[in-house]
């Protein structure tokens, strides 16, 4: 098998399934180039994208297995494209990709023997995530007070059984091996600045990336720990039908980000002394920093984009 550069293409709504594909692709060699299509190309072949091309470029760059991206990559991968970027072969998941007229987008490179396949991550797809956001009626995504909305949200976050039903829609099965594959496995080193942030990080998106990048840049030697709240806790403070991704899915999404060193699964909502002691975060005046990501995008905004494109 060739060990030089390889080429992957995509991506619309970047999720941990894409990250897992890129992880597998990187393992096939030593340098990974990812082609990202324009809004025009995606609209032509698949329908209107959820994220803009600028957002998708930055999202893919933030995945830790990616070495380089090609902006505006052609939808059909040709030998000319591989040669242009000095790639030995290209990689795609084991689900076929077709053009608008039904042509296999990898036909040419397959015939030439410069195509490799990796396993698709079961239980997640862009279509699946969009389906979760559109489940039932639009009213579930807005606090409208409608009878439909109330019928499905009256018990959210209340008592021990309060939860979002949408996280139960996921067919993804978490394993310890999958977490190990995504985790860096690196311990903080002497001189590292240990930084702790916490939240839901639901539908991991460009707003999260911009925030984590800003946090990462607070130090020359950052070790960023992300605390992820359990589904019930997220639903308690966000309400509606959140979180859309369950805590296992959110864990992989965050671990795939190049700015993250470690994740706390089921982090407490309140940052306690014990938690800070556990991660050896110094307790001194001025420990809390407010970081402006420069990006106001929220998970709710993404849901609204989906509904608008429905």
Protein backbone atom coordinates (compact mmCIF):
# COMPACT_ATOMS: atom_id res chain seq x y z
CA UNK A 1 0.00 0.00 0.00
CA UNK A 2 1.27 3.46 -0.82
CA UNK A 3 2.38 5.51 2.17
CA UNK A 4 2.49 8.94 0.57
CA UNK A 5 -0.21 11.63 0.48
CA UNK A 6 -3.82 10.63 0.03
CA UNK A 7 -6.90 12.64 -0.87
CA UNK A 8 -10.42 12.71 0.59
CA UNK A 9 -13.41 14.80 -0.46
CA UNK A 10 -16.52 16.26 1.18
CA UNK A 11 -18.07 17.74 3.36
CA UNK A 12 -21.35 19.45 4.18
CA UNK A 13 -22.43 19.08 7.78
CA UNK A 14 -19.15 17.93 9.32
CA UNK A 15 -19.73 15.37 12.09
CA UNK A 16 -17.82 12.65 13.93
CA UNK A 17 -18.57 10.15 11.16
CA UNK A 18 -16.54 12.32 8.79
CA UNK A 19 -13.83 12.64 11.43
CA UNK A 20 -13.67 8.88 11.76
CA UNK A 21 -13.31 8.53 8.00
CA UNK A 22 -10.41 10.99 8.05
CA UNK A 23 -8.82 9.17 10.99
CA UNK A 24 -8.90 5.94 9.01
CA UNK A 25 -7.61 7.67 5.87
CA UNK A 26 -4.67 9.22 7.74
CA UNK A 27 -3.73 5.75 9.05
CA UNK A 28 -3.29 4.56 5.45
CA UNK A 29 -0.27 6.81 4.95
CA UNK A 30 1.55 9.82 6.32
CA UNK A 31 -0.07 12.95 4.85
CA UNK A 32 -3.76 13.67 4.39
CA UNK A 33 -5.18 16.23 1.97
CA UNK A 34 -8.93 16.86 2.11
CA UNK A 35 -10.88 18.38 -0.75
CA UNK A 36 -13.90 20.45 0.29
CA UNK A 37 -16.57 21.33 -2.26
CA UNK A 38 -18.07 24.75 -2.88
CA UNK A 39 -21.65 25.64 -2.00
CA UNK A 40 -22.46 25.66 -5.72
CA UNK A 41 -21.18 22.10 -6.26
CA UNK A 42 -23.04 20.71 -3.25
CA UNK A 43 -26.27 22.48 -4.20
CA UNK A 44 -26.05 21.06 -7.73
CA UNK A 45 -25.55 17.44 -6.71
CA UNK A 46 -27.04 17.09 -3.22
CA UNK A 47 -29.16 20.14 -2.40
CA UNK A 48 -28.48 23.30 -0.38
CA UNK A 49 -25.65 22.86 2.18
CA UNK A 50 -26.19 23.53 5.88
CA UNK A 51 -22.89 25.36 6.31
CA UNK A 52 -21.24 27.86 3.98
CA UNK A 53 -18.08 26.81 2.19
CA UNK A 54 -16.00 29.16 4.36
CA UNK A 55 -17.43 27.50 7.48
CA UNK A 56 -16.78 24.02 6.08
CA UNK A 57 -13.19 24.88 5.16
CA UNK A 58 -12.48 25.90 8.74
CA UNK A 59 -14.36 22.95 10.24
CA UNK A 60 -12.33 20.43 8.24
CA UNK A 61 -9.05 22.23 9.01
CA UNK A 62 -9.85 21.84 12.71
CA UNK A 63 -9.99 18.02 12.52
CA UNK A 64 -6.73 16.79 13.98
CA UNK A 65 -5.95 14.16 11.34
CA UNK A 66 -6.07 16.67 8.47
CA UNK A 67 -2.76 18.03 7.16
CA UNK A 68 -4.05 20.21 4.34
CA UNK A 69 -7.30 21.09 2.59
CA UNK A 70 -8.13 21.95 -1.01
CA UNK A 71 -10.75 24.68 -1.17
CA UNK A 72 -13.30 24.34 -3.97
CA UNK A 73 -12.41 20.75 -4.82
CA UNK A 74 -14.24 19.31 -7.85
CA UNK A 75 -17.20 17.07 -7.01
CA UNK A 76 -15.91 14.34 -9.33
CA UNK A 77 -12.44 13.18 -8.31
CA UNK A 78 -10.18 12.67 -11.33
CA UNK A 79 -6.63 11.45 -11.88
CA UNK A 80 -5.76 15.01 -12.85
CA UNK A 81 -6.79 16.20 -9.39
CA UNK A 82 -4.73 13.50 -7.63
CA UNK A 83 -1.68 14.32 -9.76
CA UNK A 84 -2.09 18.06 -9.20
CA UNK A 85 -1.72 17.58 -5.44
CA UNK A 86 0.87 14.77 -5.76
CA UNK A 87 -1.46 12.21 -4.16
CA UNK A 88 -0.83 8.47 -4.42
CA UNK A 89 -4.51 7.61 -4.03
CA UNK A 90 -7.84 8.88 -2.72
CA UNK A 91 -10.02 7.54 0.09
CA UNK A 92 -13.78 7.46 0.58
CA UNK A 93 -16.24 5.67 2.82
CA UNK A 94 -17.90 2.44 1.72
CA UNK A 95 -21.07 4.29 0.66
CA UNK A 96 -21.16 5.22 -3.01
CA UNK A 97 -21.29 8.91 -4.02
CA UNK A 98 -23.14 9.87 -7.19
CA UNK A 99 -23.39 12.98 -9.31
CA UNK A 100 -26.78 14.53 -10.09
CA UNK A 101 -26.96 12.35 -13.23
CA UNK A 102 -26.17 9.14 -11.34
CA UNK A 103 -22.47 8.77 -12.15
CA UNK A 104 -20.02 7.34 -9.58
CA UNK A 105 -17.81 10.30 -8.63
CA UNK A 106 -14.83 7.98 -8.13
CA UNK A 107 -15.20 5.89 -11.30
CA UNK A 108 -12.01 7.14 -12.96
CA UNK A 109 -9.71 6.69 -9.95
CA UNK A 110 -11.23 3.29 -9.17
CA UNK A 111 -10.40 2.03 -12.67
CA UNK A 112 -6.82 3.25 -12.29
CA UNK A 113 -6.31 1.44 -8.97
CA UNK A 114 -5.83 4.69 -7.04
CA UNK A 115 -8.86 4.35 -4.80
CA UNK A 116 -9.10 3.08 -1.22
CA UNK A 117 -12.13 2.54 0.97
CA UNK A 118 -12.63 2.98 4.68
CA UNK A 119 -15.44 1.84 6.94
CA UNK A 120 -18.43 4.14 7.31
CA UNK A 121 -19.31 4.94 10.93
CA UNK A 122 -22.56 3.16 11.66
CA UNK A 123 -25.36 5.14 13.29
CA UNK A 124 -24.64 8.61 11.94
CA UNK A 125 -24.96 10.54 8.70
CA UNK A 126 -25.79 14.07 7.66
CA UNK A 127 -29.24 12.84 6.63
CA UNK A 128 -29.70 11.23 10.04
CA UNK A 129 -28.80 14.40 11.93
CA UNK A 130 -31.02 16.56 9.73
CA UNK A 131 -33.82 14.05 10.33
CA UNK A 132 -33.44 14.41 14.08
CA UNK A 133 -33.74 18.18 13.77
CA UNK A 134 -36.85 17.90 11.61
CA UNK A 135 -38.48 15.14 13.63
CA UNK A 136 -42.23 15.63 14.06
CA UNK A 137 -42.98 19.34 13.55
CA UNK A 138 -41.10 22.60 13.30
CA UNK A 139 -42.66 23.69 16.57
CA UNK A 140 -40.30 21.44 18.53
CA UNK A 141 -37.46 23.81 17.77
CA UNK A 142 -39.15 26.98 18.91
CA UNK A 143 -40.62 27.89 22.27
CA UNK A 144 -43.94 28.76 20.71
CA UNK A 145 -46.20 27.44 23.43
CA UNK A 146 -48.12 25.42 20.84
CA UNK A 147 -49.96 22.29 21.91
CA UNK A 148 -47.64 20.18 19.74
CA UNK A 149 -44.62 21.68 21.41
CA UNK A 150 -46.03 21.33 24.92
CA UNK A 151 -47.10 17.74 24.35
CA UNK A 152 -43.52 16.68 23.66
CA UNK A 153 -41.66 19.00 26.05
CA UNK A 154 -43.67 19.15 29.27
CA UNK A 155 -41.46 16.53 30.93
CA UNK A 156 -38.10 17.66 29.53
CA UNK A 157 -35.51 18.10 32.24
CA UNK A 158 -37.97 17.54 35.07
CA UNK A 159 -37.13 14.93 37.66
CA UNK A 160 -34.95 11.84 37.14
CA UNK A 161 -36.65 10.91 33.86
CA UNK A 162 -36.40 14.32 32.23
CA UNK A 163 -34.50 14.02 28.95
CA UNK A 164 -34.45 14.87 25.29
CA UNK A 165 -36.09 12.15 23.20
CA UNK A 166 -33.97 13.06 20.18
CA UNK A 167 -30.74 11.73 21.70
CA UNK A 168 -32.46 8.35 21.84
CA UNK A 169 -32.94 8.46 18.08
CA UNK A 170 -29.22 7.79 17.58
CA UNK A 171 -28.24 4.28 16.52
CA UNK A 172 -24.58 4.92 17.32
CA UNK A 173 -23.04 2.44 19.76
CA UNK A 174 -20.11 3.82 21.73
CA UNK A 175 -17.20 1.55 22.59
CA UNK A 176 -14.06 2.08 24.64
CA UNK A 177 -12.02 1.28 21.53
CA UNK A 178 -13.63 4.14 19.60
CA UNK A 179 -12.80 6.61 22.36
CA UNK A 180 -9.20 5.36 22.42
CA UNK A 181 -8.95 5.82 18.66
CA UNK A 182 -10.11 9.43 18.91
CA UNK A 183 -8.28 10.41 22.10
CA UNK A 184 -4.78 11.89 21.98
CA UNK A 185 -3.64 9.87 24.99
CA UNK A 186 -1.25 12.66 25.95
CA UNK A 187 -0.82 13.70 29.57
CA UNK A 188 -0.13 17.35 30.43
CA UNK A 189 3.59 18.08 30.54
CA UNK A 190 5.53 20.34 32.93
CA UNK A 191 5.05 23.91 31.84
CA UNK A 192 1.71 23.25 30.12
CA UNK A 193 -1.13 25.64 30.86
CA UNK A 194 -4.14 23.51 31.75
CA UNK A 195 -7.35 25.17 30.57
CA UNK A 196 -10.80 23.84 31.42
CA UNK A 197 -14.00 24.71 29.55
CA UNK A 198 -17.41 23.05 29.78
CA UNK A 199 -20.72 22.93 27.97
CA UNK A 200 -22.99 20.91 25.71
CA UNK A 201 -21.05 21.23 22.43
CA UNK A 202 -24.10 19.82 20.67
CA UNK A 203 -23.95 19.42 16.86
CA UNK A 204 -20.27 20.40 17.06
CA UNK A 205 -19.97 23.34 14.66
CA UNK A 206 -17.85 26.28 13.55
CA UNK A 207 -18.91 28.38 16.56
CA UNK A 208 -17.44 25.71 18.85
CA UNK A 209 -14.27 25.53 16.72
CA UNK A 210 -13.77 29.31 16.87
CA UNK A 211 -14.23 29.27 20.65
CA UNK A 212 -11.82 26.36 21.23
CA UNK A 213 -9.25 27.92 18.90
CA UNK A 214 -9.45 31.16 20.90
CA UNK A 215 -9.04 29.18 24.13
CA UNK A 216 -6.10 27.25 22.67
CA UNK A 217 -4.34 30.50 21.79
CA UNK A 218 -4.44 31.73 25.40
CA UNK A 219 -1.13 29.97 26.03
CA UNK A 220 2.05 28.96 24.23
CA UNK A 221 1.71 25.47 25.71
CA UNK A 222 -2.04 24.86 26.14
CA UNK A 223 -3.60 21.65 27.41
CA UNK A 224 -7.33 22.14 26.81
CA UNK A 225 -9.80 19.97 28.74
CA UNK A 226 -13.44 20.06 27.63
CA UNK A 227 -16.13 19.10 30.13
CA UNK A 228 -19.24 17.65 28.48
CA UNK A 229 -22.50 17.73 30.41
CA UNK A 230 -24.75 14.67 30.43
CA UNK A 231 -27.83 14.77 28.18
CA UNK A 232 -30.25 15.32 31.06
CA UNK A 233 -28.22 18.28 32.33
CA UNK A 234 -28.08 19.86 28.86
CA UNK A 235 -31.82 19.46 28.51
CA UNK A 236 -32.34 21.04 31.93
CA UNK A 237 -30.65 24.30 30.96
CA UNK A 238 -31.33 24.38 27.20
CA UNK A 239 -34.84 22.87 27.13
CA UNK A 240 -36.70 22.31 23.86
CA UNK A 241 -35.51 19.05 22.30
CA UNK A 242 -31.83 19.45 23.12
CA UNK A 243 -29.36 17.88 23.02
CA UNK A 244 -29.75 16.49 19.52
CA UNK A 245 -26.54 14.47 19.85
CA UNK A 246 -26.12 12.22 22.88
CA UNK A 247 -23.12 12.54 25.16
CA UNK A 248 -21.25 9.68 23.44
CA UNK A 249 -21.58 11.36 20.04
CA UNK A 250 -20.60 14.73 21.48
CA UNK A 251 -17.52 13.13 23.05
CA UNK A 252 -16.16 11.94 19.71
CA UNK A 253 -17.03 15.24 18.03
CA UNK A 254 -14.98 17.21 20.55
CA UNK A 255 -12.09 14.72 20.70
CA UNK A 256 -11.65 15.04 16.93
CA UNK A 257 -10.84 18.75 17.28
CA UNK A 258 -7.14 19.59 17.08
CA UNK A 259 -7.45 22.19 19.86
CA UNK A 260 -8.65 19.66 22.46
CA UNK A 261 -6.37 17.50 24.61
CA UNK A 262 -8.86 15.73 26.87
CA UNK A 263 -12.61 15.37 27.51
CA UNK A 264 -14.50 14.90 30.77
CA UNK A 265 -17.59 12.83 30.01
CA UNK A 266 -20.47 13.88 32.24
CA UNK A 267 -18.78 16.95 33.71
CA UNK A 268 -20.60 18.71 36.56
CA UNK A 269 -22.50 21.85 35.67
CA UNK A 270 -20.80 23.72 38.50
CA UNK A 271 -17.00 23.87 38.40
CA UNK A 272 -15.99 22.68 41.85
CA UNK A 273 -12.77 22.77 43.86
CA UNK A 274 -12.50 18.96 43.58
CA UNK A 275 -12.68 19.13 39.80
CA UNK A 276 -9.96 21.78 39.62
CA UNK A 277 -7.79 19.77 42.03
CA UNK A 278 -8.26 16.62 39.96
CA UNK A 279 -6.87 18.29 36.85
CA UNK A 280 -4.30 20.33 38.78
CA UNK A 281 -5.76 23.60 37.60
CA UNK A 282 -4.20 26.37 39.73
CA UNK A 283 -6.65 28.04 42.07
CA UNK A 284 -5.78 31.69 42.27
CA UNK A 285 -7.42 35.02 41.73
CA UNK A 286 -8.08 35.66 38.09
CA UNK A 287 -8.51 31.97 37.24
CA UNK A 288 -11.67 32.63 35.21
CA UNK A 289 -11.24 34.08 31.73
CA UNK A 290 -14.06 35.21 29.46
CA UNK A 291 -13.15 34.32 25.88
CA UNK A 292 -14.84 35.90 22.87
CA UNK A 293 -14.84 33.45 19.99
CA UNK A 294 -15.86 36.14 17.53
CA UNK A 295 -18.59 33.82 16.29
CA UNK A 296 -22.21 34.05 17.45
CA UNK A 297 -23.41 30.85 15.72
CA UNK A 298 -25.41 28.54 18.01
CA UNK A 299 -26.90 25.07 17.71
CA UNK A 300 -30.32 26.73 17.52
CA UNK A 301 -29.13 28.76 14.51
CA UNK A 302 -28.19 25.52 12.73
CA UNK A 303 -31.63 24.06 13.42
CA UNK A 304 -33.19 27.17 11.92
CA UNK A 305 -31.04 26.78 8.79
CA UNK A 306 -32.28 23.20 8.45
CA UNK A 307 -35.91 24.24 8.84
CA UNK A 308 -35.46 27.04 6.30
CA UNK A 309 -34.09 24.53 3.75
CA UNK A 310 -36.76 21.96 4.49
